[in-house]
Amino acid sequence: MADIVQLGARGEIVLPRKVRADLGLRAGDPLTVELDGESIVVRRKARRFAEYLEKVGRR
């Protein structure tokens, strides 16, 4: 089931806590935003490989 969020007065949206947690998003993380027809697609910007390794504890 999809979450429903509201568009704020300044154009901001708040991603649901579970979405942020599942993707490991933190305040300040860069995201990409693009249009796909009538849809808005938000993706986490690819992280540097070294940051990924640090996150998974292989460094």
C-alpha atoms as a PDB file:
ATOM      1  CA  MET A   1       0.000   0.000   0.000  1.00  0.00           C
ATOM      2  CA  ALA A   2       1.333   3.422  -0.919  1.00  0.00           C
ATOM      3  CA  ASP A   3       1.786   6.157   1.670  1.00  0.00           C
ATOM      4  CA  ILE A   4       0.076   9.485   1.088  1.00  0.00           C
ATOM      5  CA  VAL A   5       2.116  12.633   1.716  1.00  0.00           C
ATOM      6  CA  GLN A   6       1.148  16.272   1.328  1.00  0.00           C
ATOM      7  CA  LEU A   7       2.924  18.998  -0.555  1.00  0.00           C
ATOM      8  CA  GLY A   8       3.977  21.793   1.790  1.00  0.00           C
ATOM      9  CA  ALA A   9       3.581  25.512   1.135  1.00  0.00           C
ATOM     10  CA  ARG A  10       7.189  25.756  -0.096  1.00  0.00           C
ATOM     11  CA  GLY A  11       6.948  22.647  -2.297  1.00  0.00           C
ATOM     12  CA  GLU A  12       8.513  20.220   0.188  1.00  0.00           C
ATOM     13  CA  ILE A  13       7.376  16.692   0.984  1.00  0.00           C
ATOM     14  CA  VAL A  14       8.308  14.530   3.952  1.00  0.00           C
ATOM     15  CA  LEU A  15       9.264  10.960   3.163  1.00  0.00           C
ATOM     16  CA  PRO A  16       7.668   8.480   5.559  1.00  0.00           C
ATOM     17  CA  ARG A  17       9.958   7.210   8.344  1.00  0.00           C
ATOM     18  CA  LYS A  18       9.826   3.608   7.089  1.00  0.00           C
ATOM     19  CA  VAL A  19      10.912   4.664   3.588  1.00  0.00           C
ATOM     20  CA  ARG A  20      13.835   6.656   5.007  1.00  0.00           C
ATOM     21  CA  ALA A  21      14.835   3.781   7.288  1.00  0.00           C
ATOM     22  CA  ASP A  22      14.550   1.098   4.596  1.00  0.00           C
ATOM     23  CA  LEU A  23      16.752   3.128   2.230  1.00  0.00           C
ATOM     24  CA  GLY A  24      19.141   4.321   4.931  1.00  0.00           C
ATOM     25  CA  LEU A  25      18.393   7.969   4.167  1.00  0.00           C
ATOM     26  CA  ARG A  26      19.574  10.725   6.496  1.00  0.00           C
ATOM     27  CA  ALA A  27      19.034  14.483   6.540  1.00  0.00           C
ATOM     28  CA  GLY A  28      21.170  16.083   3.868  1.00  0.00           C
ATOM     29  CA  ASP A  29      21.452  12.981   1.653  1.00  0.00           C
ATOM     30  CA  PRO A  30      21.298  13.944  -2.042  1.00  0.00           C
ATOM     31  CA  LEU A  31      18.295  12.701  -4.012  1.00  0.00           C
ATOM     32  CA  THR A  32      17.477  12.949  -7.698  1.00  0.00           C
ATOM     33  CA  VAL A  33      14.005  14.024  -8.834  1.00  0.00           C
ATOM     34  CA  GLU A  34      12.645  13.451 -12.324  1.00  0.00           C
ATOM     35  CA  LEU A  35       9.333  13.303 -14.115  1.00  0.00           C
ATOM     36  CA  ASP A  36       8.058  10.112 -15.733  1.00  0.00           C
ATOM     37  CA  GLY A  37       4.837  11.045 -17.479  1.00  0.00           C
ATOM     38  CA  GLU A  38       2.415  11.950 -14.675  1.00  0.00           C
ATOM     39  CA  SER A  39       4.683  10.508 -11.968  1.00  0.00           C
ATOM     40  CA  ILE A  40       7.452  12.024  -9.872  1.00  0.00           C
ATOM     41  CA  VAL A  41      10.395   9.665  -9.364  1.00  0.00           C
ATOM     42  CA  VAL A  42      12.694  10.295  -6.398  1.00  0.00           C
ATOM     43  CA  ARG A  43      15.889   8.251  -6.123  1.00  0.00           C
ATOM     44  CA  ARG A  44      18.796   8.226  -3.730  1.00  0.00           C
ATOM     45  CA  LYS A  45      21.833   9.547  -5.573  1.00  0.00           C
ATOM     46  CA  ALA A  46      24.442   6.821  -5.957  1.00  0.00           C
ATOM     47  CA  ARG A  47      26.937   6.906  -3.135  1.00  0.00           C
ATOM     48  CA  ARG A  48      30.643   6.546  -3.560  1.00  0.00           C
ATOM     49  CA  PHE A  49      31.798   2.946  -3.346  1.00  0.00           C
ATOM     50  CA  ALA A  50      34.016   3.665  -0.330  1.00  0.00           C
ATOM     51  CA  GLU A  51      31.019   5.032   1.579  1.00  0.00           C
ATOM     52  CA  TYR A  52      29.094   1.883   0.691  1.00  0.00           C
ATOM     53  CA  LEU A  53      31.877  -0.363   1.973  1.00  0.00           C
ATOM     54  CA  GLU A  54      32.058   1.631   5.185  1.00  0.00           C
ATOM     55  CA  LYS A  55      28.321   1.239   5.693  1.00  0.00           C
ATOM     56  CA  VAL A  56      28.426  -2.537   5.276  1.00  0.00           C
ATOM     57  CA  GLY A  57      31.458  -2.810   7.550  1.00  0.00           C
ATOM     58  CA  ARG A  58      34.029  -4.025   5.025  1.00  0.00           C
ATOM     59  CA  ARG A  59      36.521  -1.301   5.484  1.00  0.00           C
END
